[in-house]
Amino acid sequence: MHVAKCYLTLHDSLYYATREMGRLYETEKVIHNWALTYALGFIQKPYYCPDSVPTYQDDLQPINEAGVYVTPAKPIHCDYVINTFKFADNRHRAFSTPNRTNKPSYGKAKELAPESKFEFFIIGKLPKELPKWIRLGLWMSKARIEIKKELSLTPKRGKFTCSHLLNPIDLPISPELYDLISMPPVSLLQNARFNGEYVEFGDVCLPTSMAYFAGAT
């Protein structure tokens, strides 16, 4: 089983709304594996989409057929910056009835700061040219990708704890215990305990046979 350990370093502030608390929009200190798969170029989508309906399952199925899987990215070290932005002013628009909604005129975005660093794994055969630079988030922030180490690993079986981040929908087996990181589109797991097949990459144990939507019904 081929596994590559990769690093992602932000060169811009990264923003996506994990939680909305009044005027504060917060970005969680993780990068979801589905977003990372798109950003790495495993999926090619047009810049313009006529609707906002997600097509994750259709998009990710060809990656399963290629035998490749990307895990979520876990922070190695991470800082925040807070930016204030203004909402668009729509008072020029004509309304048939008076607009009495009390909408705030500005908001604050809690973003991941530049130089924040993350770790993730690519399982399966790497493409010939993995991009060195990618863009992520609402502002299309720039990030550097580095392959730290590649190993061919032999699976083991038994009880183990995965300290890395996992997507529960992509797991072939259910965890016994875990810590939950609540975020859209699918909450992630950390420190999950399993009894099954796994591989060891240094001090990280990863379940085998992970695939996009492996546990979906």
Protein backbone atom coordinates (compact mmCIF):
# COMPACT_ATOMS: atom_id res chain seq x y z
CA MET A 1 0.00 0.00 0.00
CA HIS A 2 1.60 3.24 -1.17
CA VAL A 3 1.26 6.26 1.15
CA ALA A 4 2.72 9.76 0.72
CA LYS A 5 3.00 12.24 3.59
CA CYS A 6 2.50 15.81 2.35
CA TYR A 7 2.74 19.30 3.82
CA LEU A 8 0.56 22.29 2.92
CA THR A 9 1.77 25.80 3.83
CA LEU A 10 -0.49 28.84 3.43
CA HIS A 11 0.95 31.86 1.60
CA ASP A 12 -2.31 33.85 1.93
CA SER A 13 -4.95 33.97 4.63
CA LEU A 14 -7.49 31.15 4.12
CA TYR A 15 -11.21 31.73 4.62
CA TYR A 16 -14.27 29.51 4.48
CA ALA A 17 -17.24 29.79 6.84
CA THR A 18 -17.26 26.82 9.22
CA ARG A 19 -19.37 28.64 11.82
CA GLU A 20 -21.44 31.81 11.61
CA MET A 21 -21.91 33.59 14.97
CA GLY A 22 -23.76 36.82 14.33
CA ARG A 23 -21.34 39.00 12.40
CA LEU A 24 -18.36 36.70 13.01
CA TYR A 25 -17.58 34.04 10.40
CA GLU A 26 -15.02 31.51 11.69
CA THR A 27 -12.73 29.17 9.76
CA GLU A 28 -11.93 25.84 11.45
CA LYS A 29 -8.23 24.90 11.77
CA VAL A 30 -8.54 21.96 9.37
CA ILE A 31 -8.87 21.49 5.61
CA HIS A 32 -11.57 19.08 4.47
CA ASN A 33 -10.37 16.23 2.27
CA TRP A 34 -13.02 16.79 -0.41
CA ALA A 35 -11.96 20.45 -0.83
CA LEU A 36 -8.31 19.36 -0.88
CA THR A 37 -9.00 16.74 -3.57
CA TYR A 38 -10.54 19.40 -5.82
CA ALA A 39 -7.70 21.86 -5.14
CA LEU A 40 -5.00 19.29 -5.96
CA GLY A 41 -6.46 18.92 -9.45
CA PHE A 42 -7.71 15.34 -9.15
CA ILE A 43 -11.09 16.71 -10.29
CA GLN A 44 -11.46 19.20 -13.13
CA LYS A 45 -14.51 21.46 -12.86
CA PRO A 46 -15.49 24.48 -14.96
CA TYR A 47 -14.92 27.88 -13.38
CA TYR A 48 -18.60 28.76 -13.86
CA CYS A 49 -21.41 26.51 -12.61
CA PRO A 50 -25.00 27.45 -13.51
CA ASP A 51 -26.34 26.25 -10.14
CA SER A 52 -25.09 25.77 -6.58
CA VAL A 53 -26.06 22.10 -6.19
CA PRO A 54 -23.00 20.06 -5.10
CA THR A 55 -22.05 16.97 -7.12
CA TYR A 56 -19.50 15.44 -4.75
CA GLN A 57 -20.40 11.80 -5.31
CA ASP A 58 -20.35 12.05 -9.10
CA ASP A 59 -17.10 14.03 -9.05
CA LEU A 60 -15.26 11.81 -6.57
CA GLN A 61 -16.22 8.39 -7.93
CA PRO A 62 -13.59 8.45 -10.74
CA ILE A 63 -10.92 9.05 -8.07
CA ASN A 64 -12.00 5.81 -6.38
CA GLU A 65 -11.66 4.00 -9.69
CA ALA A 66 -8.11 5.37 -10.01
CA GLY A 67 -7.30 3.96 -6.56
CA VAL A 68 -6.31 7.29 -5.00
CA TYR A 69 -7.49 8.83 -1.73
CA VAL A 70 -6.62 12.13 -0.03
CA THR A 71 -7.09 12.53 3.73
CA PRO A 72 -8.13 15.78 5.44
CA ALA A 73 -5.27 18.11 6.40
CA LYS A 74 -4.40 18.45 10.09
CA PRO A 75 -2.64 21.57 11.44
CA ILE A 76 1.01 21.29 12.44
CA HIS A 77 0.99 24.92 13.58
CA CYS A 78 -1.74 27.42 12.86
CA ASP A 79 -2.56 31.07 13.64
CA TYR A 80 -5.60 33.28 13.01
CA VAL A 81 -6.12 36.74 11.55
CA ILE A 82 -9.41 38.68 11.71
CA ASN A 83 -10.49 40.78 8.74
CA THR A 84 -13.49 43.12 8.58
CA PHE A 85 -15.49 43.31 5.37
CA LYS A 86 -18.55 45.22 4.21
CA PHE A 87 -21.70 43.66 2.80
CA ALA A 88 -22.97 44.94 -0.53
CA ASP A 89 -25.38 47.87 -0.34
CA ASN A 90 -28.62 47.01 -2.16
CA ARG A 91 -30.51 50.26 -1.50
CA HIS A 92 -30.44 51.05 -5.23
CA ARG A 93 -32.78 48.11 -5.87
CA ALA A 94 -36.53 48.71 -6.25
CA PHE A 95 -38.83 46.81 -3.89
CA SER A 96 -42.60 46.42 -4.23
CA THR A 97 -42.85 46.72 -0.45
CA PRO A 98 -40.59 48.60 1.98
CA ASN A 99 -37.53 46.62 3.01
CA ARG A 100 -37.73 46.46 6.81
CA THR A 101 -35.14 43.75 7.42
CA ASN A 102 -32.37 44.75 9.82
CA LYS A 103 -29.28 43.33 8.13
CA PRO A 104 -25.79 44.17 9.39
CA SER A 105 -23.70 46.32 7.08
CA TYR A 106 -20.40 44.57 7.88
CA GLY A 107 -18.95 41.30 9.12
CA LYS A 108 -15.72 39.89 10.55
CA ALA A 109 -13.94 36.87 9.06
CA LYS A 110 -11.69 34.81 11.33
CA GLU A 111 -9.22 33.43 8.80
CA LEU A 112 -6.26 31.06 8.93
CA ALA A 113 -3.09 33.13 8.80
CA PRO A 114 -0.30 32.92 6.22
CA GLU A 115 2.52 30.50 7.15
CA SER A 116 0.07 28.15 8.87
CA LYS A 117 1.19 24.60 8.07
CA PHE A 118 -0.83 21.40 7.64
CA GLU A 119 -0.14 17.70 7.15
CA PHE A 120 -2.13 15.27 4.99
CA PHE A 121 -1.69 11.88 3.31
CA ILE A 122 -2.26 10.68 -0.24
CA ILE A 123 -2.96 6.96 -0.42
CA GLY A 124 -2.41 5.19 -3.73
CA LYS A 125 -0.35 6.02 -6.79
CA LEU A 126 0.62 9.68 -7.05
CA PRO A 127 0.09 11.52 -10.34
CA LYS A 128 3.19 12.20 -12.44
CA GLU A 129 3.13 15.86 -11.46
CA LEU A 130 1.50 16.79 -8.18
CA PRO A 131 1.02 20.59 -8.20
CA LYS A 132 3.47 22.58 -6.07
CA TRP A 133 0.98 25.41 -5.71
CA ILE A 134 -2.80 25.24 -5.22
CA ARG A 135 -5.62 27.62 -4.34
CA LEU A 136 -8.19 27.10 -1.58
CA GLY A 137 -11.18 28.74 0.07
CA LEU A 138 -13.53 31.57 -0.80
CA TRP A 139 -10.71 33.99 -1.63
CA MET A 140 -8.80 31.37 -3.68
CA SER A 141 -5.85 31.59 -1.28
CA LYS A 142 -2.43 30.40 -2.42
CA ALA A 143 -0.82 27.39 -0.70
CA ARG A 144 2.44 25.47 -1.19
CA ILE A 145 2.40 21.65 -1.47
CA GLU A 146 5.42 19.52 -0.54
CA ILE A 147 5.80 15.73 -0.56
CA LYS A 148 7.66 14.99 2.66
CA LYS A 149 8.01 11.21 2.42
CA GLU A 150 6.66 8.21 0.46
CA LEU A 151 6.46 4.64 1.74
CA SER A 152 5.10 1.27 0.65
CA LEU A 153 3.45 -0.18 3.75
CA THR A 154 2.19 -3.63 4.74
CA PRO A 155 -1.24 -3.63 6.42
CA LYS A 156 -1.67 -4.90 9.99
CA ARG A 157 -4.78 -5.93 11.87
CA GLY A 158 -5.90 -5.21 15.42
CA LYS A 159 -6.94 -2.35 17.68
CA PHE A 160 -5.47 1.08 16.88
CA THR A 161 -6.05 4.81 17.37
CA CYS A 162 -5.79 7.24 14.47
CA SER A 163 -4.55 10.64 15.65
CA HIS A 164 -4.99 12.09 12.16
CA LEU A 165 -8.23 13.60 10.82
CA LEU A 166 -10.68 11.26 9.08
CA ASN A 167 -13.88 11.68 7.08
CA PRO A 168 -16.47 9.25 8.57
CA ILE A 169 -18.32 8.83 5.25
CA ASP A 170 -15.08 7.59 3.65
CA LEU A 171 -14.36 4.90 6.24
CA PRO A 172 -14.90 1.17 5.52
CA ILE A 173 -15.26 0.42 9.26
CA SER A 174 -16.98 2.30 12.07
CA PRO A 175 -14.90 3.75 14.93
CA GLU A 176 -15.53 2.71 18.51
CA LEU A 177 -14.71 6.14 19.98
CA TYR A 178 -13.72 9.49 18.46
CA ASP A 179 -13.54 13.26 18.86
CA LEU A 180 -15.88 15.13 16.51
CA ILE A 181 -14.96 18.31 14.61
CA SER A 182 -18.25 19.79 13.47
CA MET A 183 -18.05 21.40 10.03
CA PRO A 184 -19.76 21.33 6.62
CA PRO A 185 -20.19 19.52 4.31
CA VAL A 186 -19.33 16.51 6.55
CA SER A 187 -17.99 16.66 10.11
CA LEU A 188 -14.54 15.11 10.65
CA LEU A 189 -13.18 12.69 13.25
CA GLN A 190 -9.98 12.83 15.28
CA ASN A 191 -8.41 10.38 17.76
CA ALA A 192 -10.73 7.67 16.46
CA ARG A 193 -10.33 4.14 17.87
CA PHE A 194 -10.82 1.13 15.60
CA ASN A 195 -10.52 -2.62 15.51
CA GLY A 196 -9.56 -3.65 12.00
CA GLU A 197 -6.94 -3.33 9.28
CA TYR A 198 -4.51 -0.40 9.26
CA VAL A 199 -1.05 0.78 8.22
CA GLU A 200 1.55 2.62 10.30
CA PHE A 201 3.25 5.69 8.86
CA GLY A 202 5.66 6.72 11.61
CA ASP A 203 3.51 7.51 14.63
CA VAL A 204 0.28 7.74 12.58
CA CYS A 205 -2.02 4.74 12.08
CA LEU A 206 -4.38 4.99 9.10
CA PRO A 207 -7.30 2.68 8.29
CA THR A 208 -6.90 0.83 5.00
CA SER A 209 -9.46 0.77 2.17
CA MET A 210 -10.56 4.38 2.70
CA ALA A 211 -12.46 5.67 -0.33
CA TYR A 212 -14.78 8.55 -1.11
CA PHE A 213 -18.28 7.75 0.14
CA ALA A 214 -17.16 4.25 1.26
CA GLY A 215 -19.64 4.29 4.17
CA ALA A 216 -22.51 6.07 2.40
CA THR A 217 -25.81 4.26 2.28
